[in-house]
Amino acid sequence: MKTCKQVAEMLGAYLCGDLSPEETREVLHHLAECEACRSETAARREALGLVEAETPTTEARERILRNLQADIRAISVHNKTCL
């Protein structure tokens, strides 16, 4: 059985679905027996959900980029006229 330290090192990959089936079984087996690691997993899952909820869509990222580029151009023009 994996130790708490080993499972903690694997949690990110586990939550992202990046573990092999065998590794996933090992983590799940440990989580079934360890309340502390279950709590840590729940906290990380919640944090991951918050990050995913706050990640802008492609459309939003493109709009933000366009706005930033327009702001940079405006600042550049302003700086040239003020010098």
PDB file of N, CA and C in Angstrom:
ATOM      1  N   MET A   1       0.842  -1.186   0.000  1.00  0.00           N
ATOM      2  CA  MET A   1       0.000   0.000   0.000  1.00  0.00           C
ATOM      3  C   MET A   1       0.884   1.244   0.000  1.00  0.00           C
ATOM      4  N   LYS A   2       0.459   2.246  -0.712  1.00  0.00           N
ATOM      5  CA  LYS A   2       1.197   3.505  -0.790  1.00  0.00           C
ATOM      6  C   LYS A   2       1.141   4.236   0.546  1.00  0.00           C
ATOM      7  N   THR A   3       2.190   5.004   0.821  1.00  0.00           N
ATOM      8  CA  THR A   3       2.209   5.837   2.019  1.00  0.00           C
ATOM      9  C   THR A   3       1.490   7.152   1.723  1.00  0.00           C
ATOM     10  N   CYS A   4       1.188   7.898   2.768  1.00  0.00           N
ATOM     11  CA  CYS A   4       0.539   9.197   2.594  1.00  0.00           C
ATOM     12  C   CYS A   4       1.407  10.121   1.745  1.00  0.00           C
ATOM     13  N   LYS A   5       2.709  10.090   1.972  1.00  0.00           N
ATOM     14  CA  LYS A   5       3.609  10.939   1.195  1.00  0.00           C
ATOM     15  C   LYS A   5       3.563  10.557  -0.286  1.00  0.00           C
ATOM     16  N   GLN A   6       3.588   9.277  -0.573  1.00  0.00           N
ATOM     17  CA  GLN A   6       3.538   8.827  -1.965  1.00  0.00           C
ATOM     18  C   GLN A   6       2.224   9.231  -2.627  1.00  0.00           C
ATOM     19  N   VAL A   7       1.126   9.068  -1.904  1.00  0.00           N
ATOM     20  CA  VAL A   7      -0.181   9.435  -2.451  1.00  0.00           C
ATOM     21  C   VAL A   7      -0.257  10.946  -2.661  1.00  0.00           C
ATOM     22  N   ALA A   8       0.257  11.719  -1.712  1.00  0.00           N
ATOM     23  CA  ALA A   8       0.238  13.175  -1.860  1.00  0.00           C
ATOM     24  C   ALA A   8       0.976  13.607  -3.118  1.00  0.00           C
ATOM     25  N   GLU A   9       2.062  12.932  -3.427  1.00  0.00           N
ATOM     26  CA  GLU A   9       2.834  13.252  -4.626  1.00  0.00           C
ATOM     27  C   GLU A   9       2.087  12.865  -5.908  1.00  0.00           C
ATOM     28  N   MET A  10       1.131  11.961  -5.799  1.00  0.00           N
ATOM     29  CA  MET A  10       0.388  11.480  -6.968  1.00  0.00           C
ATOM     30  C   MET A  10      -0.971  12.159  -7.136  1.00  0.00           C
ATOM     31  N   LEU A  11      -1.399  12.942  -6.140  1.00  0.00           N
ATOM     32  CA  LEU A  11      -2.761  13.468  -6.161  1.00  0.00           C
ATOM     33  C   LEU A  11      -3.051  14.357  -7.359  1.00  0.00           C
ATOM     34  N   GLY A  12      -2.118  15.221  -7.733  1.00  0.00           N
ATOM     35  CA  GLY A  12      -2.345  16.093  -8.878  1.00  0.00           C
ATOM     36  C   GLY A  12      -2.630  15.289 -10.131  1.00  0.00           C
ATOM     37  N   ALA A  13      -1.788  14.296 -10.381  1.00  0.00           N
ATOM     38  CA  ALA A  13      -1.973  13.438 -11.556  1.00  0.00           C
ATOM     39  C   ALA A  13      -3.260  12.622 -11.433  1.00  0.00           C
ATOM     40  N   TYR A  14      -3.575  12.182 -10.227  1.00  0.00           N
ATOM     41  CA  TYR A  14      -4.808  11.421  -9.999  1.00  0.00           C
ATOM     42  C   TYR A  14      -6.026  12.277 -10.338  1.00  0.00           C
ATOM     43  N   LEU A  15      -6.055  13.500  -9.836  1.00  0.00           N
ATOM     44  CA  LEU A  15      -7.208  14.373 -10.055  1.00  0.00           C
ATOM     45  C   LEU A  15      -7.358  14.786 -11.516  1.00  0.00           C
ATOM     46  N   CYS A  16      -6.252  14.803 -12.242  1.00  0.00           N
ATOM     47  CA  CYS A  16      -6.301  15.152 -13.667  1.00  0.00           C
ATOM     48  C   CYS A  16      -6.511  13.931 -14.556  1.00  0.00           C
ATOM     49  N   GLY A  17      -6.569  12.756 -13.941  1.00  0.00           N
ATOM     50  CA  GLY A  17      -6.772  11.539 -14.714  1.00  0.00           C
ATOM     51  C   GLY A  17      -5.539  11.081 -15.461  1.00  0.00           C
ATOM     52  N   ASP A  18      -4.366  11.464 -14.958  1.00  0.00           N
ATOM     53  CA  ASP A  18      -3.121  11.155 -15.653  1.00  0.00           C
ATOM     54  C   ASP A  18      -2.378   9.931 -15.117  1.00  0.00           C
ATOM     55  N   LEU A  19      -2.961   9.213 -14.179  1.00  0.00           N
ATOM     56  CA  LEU A  19      -2.305   8.020 -13.650  1.00  0.00           C
ATOM     57  C   LEU A  19      -2.676   6.801 -14.484  1.00  0.00           C
ATOM     58  N   SER A  20      -1.814   5.816 -14.430  1.00  0.00           N
ATOM     59  CA  SER A  20      -2.126   4.539 -15.069  1.00  0.00           C
ATOM     60  C   SER A  20      -3.253   3.878 -14.272  1.00  0.00           C
ATOM     61  N   PRO A  21      -3.924   2.907 -14.860  1.00  0.00           N
ATOM     62  CA  PRO A  21      -4.973   2.205 -14.114  1.00  0.00           C
ATOM     63  C   PRO A  21      -4.456   1.587 -12.811  1.00  0.00           C
ATOM     64  N   GLU A  22      -3.245   1.041 -12.848  1.00  0.00           N
ATOM     65  CA  GLU A  22      -2.672   0.439 -11.635  1.00  0.00           C
ATOM     66  C   GLU A  22      -2.414   1.496 -10.565  1.00  0.00           C
ATOM     67  N   GLU A  23      -1.840   2.627 -10.972  1.00  0.00           N
ATOM     68  CA  GLU A  23      -1.580   3.704 -10.015  1.00  0.00           C
ATOM     69  C   GLU A  23      -2.886   4.249  -9.443  1.00  0.00           C
ATOM     70  N   THR A  24      -3.891   4.370 -10.287  1.00  0.00           N
ATOM     71  CA  THR A  24      -5.195   4.841  -9.822  1.00  0.00           C
ATOM     72  C   THR A  24      -5.764   3.891  -8.776  1.00  0.00           C
ATOM     73  N   ARG A  25      -5.673   2.603  -9.021  1.00  0.00           N
ATOM     74  CA  ARG A  25      -6.143   1.620  -8.039  1.00  0.00           C
ATOM     75  C   ARG A  25      -5.396   1.755  -6.724  1.00  0.00           C
ATOM     76  N   GLU A  26      -4.070   1.973  -6.799  1.00  0.00           N
ATOM     77  CA  GLU A  26      -3.272   2.120  -5.579  1.00  0.00           C
ATOM     78  C   GLU A  26      -3.715   3.351  -4.790  1.00  0.00           C
ATOM     79  N   VAL A  27      -3.947   4.449  -5.490  1.00  0.00           N
ATOM     80  CA  VAL A  27      -4.392   5.666  -4.809  1.00  0.00           C
ATOM     81  C   VAL A  27      -5.767   5.445  -4.194  1.00  0.00           C
ATOM     82  N   LEU A  28      -6.684   4.864  -4.962  1.00  0.00           N
ATOM     83  CA  LEU A  28      -8.032   4.619  -4.448  1.00  0.00           C
ATOM     84  C   LEU A  28      -8.006   3.687  -3.245  1.00  0.00           C
ATOM     85  N   HIS A  29      -7.155   2.670  -3.290  1.00  0.00           N
ATOM     86  CA  HIS A  29      -7.029   1.749  -2.153  1.00  0.00           C
ATOM     87  C   HIS A  29      -6.558   2.518  -0.914  1.00  0.00           C
ATOM     88  N   HIS A  30      -5.568   3.375  -1.082  1.00  0.00           N
ATOM     89  CA  HIS A  30      -5.070   4.152   0.044  1.00  0.00           C
ATOM     90  C   HIS A  30      -6.157   5.102   0.561  1.00  0.00           C
ATOM     91  N   LEU A  31      -6.851   5.774  -0.357  1.00  0.00           N
ATOM     92  CA  LEU A  31      -7.889   6.719   0.057  1.00  0.00           C
ATOM     93  C   LEU A  31      -9.013   6.034   0.829  1.00  0.00           C
ATOM     94  N   ALA A  32      -9.289   4.793   0.485  1.00  0.00           N
ATOM     95  CA  ALA A  32     -10.331   4.050   1.200  1.00  0.00           C
ATOM     96  C   ALA A  32      -9.963   3.821   2.662  1.00  0.00           C
ATOM     97  N   GLU A  33      -8.674   3.813   2.935  1.00  0.00           N
ATOM     98  CA  GLU A  33      -8.196   3.528   4.283  1.00  0.00           C
ATOM     99  C   GLU A  33      -7.749   4.756   5.065  1.00  0.00           C
ATOM    100  N   CYS A  34      -7.554   5.892   4.395  1.00  0.00           N
ATOM    101  CA  CYS A  34      -6.901   7.029   5.058  1.00  0.00           C
ATOM    102  C   CYS A  34      -7.767   8.292   4.986  1.00  0.00           C
ATOM    103  N   GLU A  35      -8.333   8.666   6.113  1.00  0.00           N
ATOM    104  CA  GLU A  35      -9.193   9.852   6.191  1.00  0.00           C
ATOM    105  C   GLU A  35      -8.418  11.133   5.877  1.00  0.00           C
ATOM    106  N   ALA A  36      -7.191  11.234   6.336  1.00  0.00           N
ATOM    107  CA  ALA A  36      -6.399  12.451   6.093  1.00  0.00           C
ATOM    108  C   ALA A  36      -6.178  12.667   4.601  1.00  0.00           C
ATOM    109  N   CYS A  37      -5.867  11.607   3.891  1.00  0.00           N
ATOM    110  CA  CYS A  37      -5.644  11.727   2.448  1.00  0.00           C
ATOM    111  C   CYS A  37      -6.947  11.964   1.699  1.00  0.00           C
ATOM    112  N   ARG A  38      -8.050  11.403   2.201  1.00  0.00           N
ATOM    113  CA  ARG A  38      -9.354  11.692   1.591  1.00  0.00           C
ATOM    114  C   ARG A  38      -9.679  13.170   1.731  1.00  0.00           C
ATOM    115  N   SER A  39      -9.402  13.731   2.902  1.00  0.00           N
ATOM    116  CA  SER A  39      -9.654  15.157   3.128  1.00  0.00           C
ATOM    117  C   SER A  39      -8.776  16.014   2.219  1.00  0.00           C
ATOM    118  N   GLU A  40      -7.520  15.643   2.101  1.00  0.00           N
ATOM    119  CA  GLU A  40      -6.602  16.376   1.223  1.00  0.00           C
ATOM    120  C   GLU A  40      -7.062  16.286  -0.230  1.00  0.00           C
ATOM    121  N   THR A  41      -7.507  15.117  -0.633  1.00  0.00           N
ATOM    122  CA  THR A  41      -8.002  14.931  -1.999  1.00  0.00           C
ATOM    123  C   THR A  41      -9.229  15.798  -2.240  1.00  0.00           C
ATOM    124  N   ALA A  42     -10.132  15.844  -1.291  1.00  0.00           N
ATOM    125  CA  ALA A  42     -11.334  16.671  -1.430  1.00  0.00           C
ATOM    126  C   ALA A  42     -10.967  18.149  -1.536  1.00  0.00           C
ATOM    127  N   ALA A  43     -10.014  18.586  -0.724  1.00  0.00           N
ATOM    128  CA  ALA A  43      -9.589  19.987  -0.765  1.00  0.00           C
ATOM    129  C   ALA A  43      -8.945  20.324  -2.108  1.00  0.00           C
ATOM    130  N   ARG A  44      -8.108  19.435  -2.600  1.00  0.00           N
ATOM    131  CA  ARG A  44      -7.473  19.683  -3.900  1.00  0.00           C
ATOM    132  C   ARG A  44      -8.490  19.635  -5.036  1.00  0.00           C
ATOM    133  N   ARG A  45      -9.449  18.728  -4.936  1.00  0.00           N
ATOM    134  CA  ARG A  45     -10.493  18.639  -5.965  1.00  0.00           C
ATOM    135  C   ARG A  45     -11.311  19.938  -5.990  1.00  0.00           C
ATOM    136  N   GLU A  46     -11.614  20.457  -4.815  1.00  0.00           N
ATOM    137  CA  GLU A  46     -12.355  21.718  -4.728  1.00  0.00           C
ATOM    138  C   GLU A  46     -11.533  22.866  -5.317  1.00  0.00           C
ATOM    139  N   ALA A  47     -10.253  22.932  -4.975  1.00  0.00           N
ATOM    140  CA  ALA A  47      -9.384  23.981  -5.516  1.00  0.00           C
ATOM    141  C   ALA A  47      -9.275  23.874  -7.034  1.00  0.00           C
ATOM    142  N   LEU A  48      -9.151  22.667  -7.528  1.00  0.00           N
ATOM    143  CA  LEU A  48      -9.075  22.451  -8.970  1.00  0.00           C
ATOM    144  C   LEU A  48     -10.362  22.911  -9.646  1.00  0.00           C
ATOM    145  N   GLY A  49     -11.488  22.631  -9.022  1.00  0.00           N
ATOM    146  CA  GLY A  49     -12.771  23.070  -9.556  1.00  0.00           C
ATOM    147  C   GLY A  49     -12.867  24.576  -9.610  1.00  0.00           C
ATOM    148  N   LEU A  50     -12.346  25.259  -8.586  1.00  0.00           N
ATOM    149  CA  LEU A  50     -12.366  26.718  -8.576  1.00  0.00           C
ATOM    150  C   LEU A  50     -11.496  27.285  -9.682  1.00  0.00           C
ATOM    151  N   VAL A  51     -10.343  26.678  -9.886  1.00  0.00           N
ATOM    152  CA  VAL A  51      -9.450  27.134 -10.953  1.00  0.00           C
ATOM    153  C   VAL A  51     -10.113  26.938 -12.305  1.00  0.00           C
ATOM    154  N   GLU A  52     -10.708  25.785 -12.509  1.00  0.00           N
ATOM    155  CA  GLU A  52     -11.363  25.512 -13.786  1.00  0.00           C
ATOM    156  C   GLU A  52     -12.530  26.459 -14.011  1.00  0.00           C
ATOM    157  N   ALA A  53     -13.251  26.795 -12.944  1.00  0.00           N
ATOM    158  CA  ALA A  53     -14.389  27.703 -13.067  1.00  0.00           C
ATOM    159  C   ALA A  53     -13.932  29.114 -13.421  1.00  0.00           C
ATOM    160  N   GLU A  54     -12.728  29.483 -13.003  1.00  0.00           N
ATOM    161  CA  GLU A  54     -12.206  30.824 -13.245  1.00  0.00           C
ATOM    162  C   GLU A  54     -11.382  30.926 -14.516  1.00  0.00           C
ATOM    163  N   THR A  55     -11.129  29.806 -15.180  1.00  0.00           N
ATOM    164  CA  THR A  55     -10.337  29.821 -16.400  1.00  0.00           C
ATOM    165  C   THR A  55     -11.194  30.391 -17.525  1.00  0.00           C
ATOM    166  N   PRO A  56     -10.733  31.473 -18.144  1.00  0.00           N
ATOM    167  CA  PRO A  56     -11.550  32.085 -19.191  1.00  0.00           C
ATOM    168  C   PRO A  56     -11.652  31.202 -20.433  1.00  0.00           C
ATOM    169  N   THR A  57     -12.742  31.348 -21.137  1.00  0.00           N
ATOM    170  CA  THR A  57     -12.929  30.619 -22.386  1.00  0.00           C
ATOM    171  C   THR A  57     -11.970  31.176 -23.428  1.00  0.00           C
ATOM    172  N   THR A  58     -11.832  30.469 -24.526  1.00  0.00           N
ATOM    173  CA  THR A  58     -10.977  30.936 -25.618  1.00  0.00           C
ATOM    174  C   THR A  58     -11.447  32.297 -26.105  1.00  0.00           C
ATOM    175  N   GLU A  59     -12.746  32.461 -26.240  1.00  0.00           N
ATOM    176  CA  GLU A  59     -13.297  33.741 -26.685  1.00  0.00           C
ATOM    177  C   GLU A  59     -12.943  34.862 -25.715  1.00  0.00           C
ATOM    178  N   ALA A  60     -13.055  34.591 -24.426  1.00  0.00           N
ATOM    179  CA  ALA A  60     -12.728  35.606 -23.426  1.00  0.00           C
ATOM    180  C   ALA A  60     -11.237  35.940 -23.463  1.00  0.00           C
ATOM    181  N   ARG A  61     -10.387  34.930 -23.603  1.00  0.00           N
ATOM    182  CA  ARG A  61      -8.945  35.185 -23.677  1.00  0.00           C
ATOM    183  C   ARG A  61      -8.614  36.046 -24.888  1.00  0.00           C
ATOM    184  N   GLU A  62      -9.243  35.748 -26.028  1.00  0.00           N
ATOM    185  CA  GLU A  62      -8.989  36.536 -27.236  1.00  0.00           C
ATOM    186  C   GLU A  62      -9.459  37.977 -27.063  1.00  0.00           C
ATOM    187  N   ARG A  63     -10.616  38.173 -26.421  1.00  0.00           N
ATOM    188  CA  ARG A  63     -11.126  39.517 -26.166  1.00  0.00           C
ATOM    189  C   ARG A  63     -10.180  40.281 -25.226  1.00  0.00           C
ATOM    190  N   ILE A  64      -9.704  39.611 -24.196  1.00  0.00           N
ATOM    191  CA  ILE A  64      -8.769  40.231 -23.260  1.00  0.00           C
ATOM    192  C   ILE A  64      -7.489  40.628 -23.987  1.00  0.00           C
ATOM    193  N   LEU A  65      -6.979  39.739 -24.834  1.00  0.00           N
ATOM    194  CA  LEU A  65      -5.766  40.021 -25.594  1.00  0.00           C
ATOM    195  C   LEU A  65      -5.966  41.220 -26.510  1.00  0.00           C
ATOM    196  N   ARG A  66      -7.099  41.267 -27.223  1.00  0.00           N
ATOM    197  CA  ARG A  66      -7.375  42.408 -28.098  1.00  0.00           C
ATOM    198  C   ARG A  66      -7.437  43.708 -27.305  1.00  0.00           C
ATOM    199  N   ASN A  67      -8.083  43.676 -26.153  1.00  0.00           N
ATOM    200  CA  ASN A  67      -8.186  44.872 -25.315  1.00  0.00           C
ATOM    201  C   ASN A  67      -6.814  45.318 -24.813  1.00  0.00           C
ATOM    202  N   LEU A  68      -5.991  44.358 -24.419  1.00  0.00           N
ATOM    203  CA  LEU A  68      -4.646  44.700 -23.959  1.00  0.00           C
ATOM    204  C   LEU A  68      -3.815  45.301 -25.091  1.00  0.00           C
ATOM    205  N   GLN A  69      -3.925  44.709 -26.271  1.00  0.00           N
ATOM    206  CA  GLN A  69      -3.180  45.240 -27.413  1.00  0.00           C
ATOM    207  C   GLN A  69      -3.635  46.662 -27.741  1.00  0.00           C
ATOM    208  N   ALA A  70      -4.930  46.916 -27.676  1.00  0.00           N
ATOM    209  CA  ALA A  70      -5.443  48.266 -27.929  1.00  0.00           C
ATOM    210  C   ALA A  70      -4.937  49.230 -26.864  1.00  0.00           C
ATOM    211  N   ASP A  71      -4.918  48.806 -25.617  1.00  0.00           N
ATOM    212  CA  ASP A  71      -4.409  49.660 -24.535  1.00  0.00           C
ATOM    213  C   ASP A  71      -2.931  49.964 -24.736  1.00  0.00           C
ATOM    214  N   ILE A  72      -2.166  48.962 -25.137  1.00  0.00           N
ATOM    215  CA  ILE A  72      -0.727  49.163 -25.364  1.00  0.00           C
ATOM    216  C   ILE A  72      -0.512  50.161 -26.495  1.00  0.00           C
ATOM    217  N   ARG A  73      -1.285  50.014 -27.567  1.00  0.00           N
ATOM    218  CA  ARG A  73      -1.165  50.969 -28.681  1.00  0.00           C
ATOM    219  C   ARG A  73      -1.520  52.378 -28.230  1.00  0.00           C
ATOM    220  N   ALA A  74      -2.577  52.515 -27.446  1.00  0.00           N
ATOM    221  CA  ALA A  74      -2.998  53.835 -26.977  1.00  0.00           C
ATOM    222  C   ALA A  74      -1.930  54.453 -26.079  1.00  0.00           C
ATOM    223  N   ILE A  75      -1.327  53.661 -25.219  1.00  0.00           N
ATOM    224  CA  ILE A  75      -0.267  54.173 -24.340  1.00  0.00           C
ATOM    225  C   ILE A  75       0.935  54.575 -25.177  1.00  0.00           C
ATOM    226  N   SER A  76       1.266  53.769 -26.170  1.00  0.00           N
ATOM    227  CA  SER A  76       2.395  54.077 -27.028  1.00  0.00           C
ATOM    228  C   SER A  76       2.182  55.393 -27.764  1.00  0.00           C
ATOM    229  N   VAL A  77       0.999  55.598 -28.327  1.00  0.00           N
ATOM    230  CA  VAL A  77       0.674  56.850 -29.013  1.00  0.00           C
ATOM    231  C   VAL A  77       0.737  58.018 -28.046  1.00  0.00           C
ATOM    232  N   HIS A  78       0.166  57.821 -26.857  1.00  0.00           N
ATOM    233  CA  HIS A  78       0.172  58.887 -25.837  1.00  0.00           C
ATOM    234  C   HIS A  78       1.595  59.248 -25.455  1.00  0.00           C
ATOM    235  N   ASN A  79       2.450  58.268 -25.253  1.00  0.00           N
ATOM    236  CA  ASN A  79       3.836  58.541 -24.865  1.00  0.00           C
ATOM    237  C   ASN A  79       4.585  59.275 -25.968  1.00  0.00           C
ATOM    238  N   LYS A  80       4.331  58.943 -27.201  1.00  0.00           N
ATOM    239  CA  LYS A  80       5.012  59.620 -28.305  1.00  0.00           C
ATOM    240  C   LYS A  80       4.569  61.075 -28.418  1.00  0.00           C
ATOM    241  N   THR A  81       3.299  61.360 -28.170  1.00  0.00           N
ATOM    242  CA  THR A  81       2.819  62.734 -28.290  1.00  0.00           C
ATOM    243  C   THR A  81       3.203  63.579 -27.085  1.00  0.00           C
ATOM    244  N   CYS A  82       3.480  62.963 -25.967  1.00  0.00           N
ATOM    245  CA  CYS A  82       3.823  63.713 -24.759  1.00  0.00           C
ATOM    246  C   CYS A  82       5.319  63.982 -24.633  1.00  0.00           C
ATOM    247  N   LEU A  83       6.125  63.342 -25.426  1.00  0.00           N
ATOM    248  CA  LEU A  83       7.565  63.515 -25.300  1.00  0.00           C
ATOM    249  C   LEU A  83       8.034  64.688 -26.030  1.00  0.00           C
TER     250      LEU A  83
END
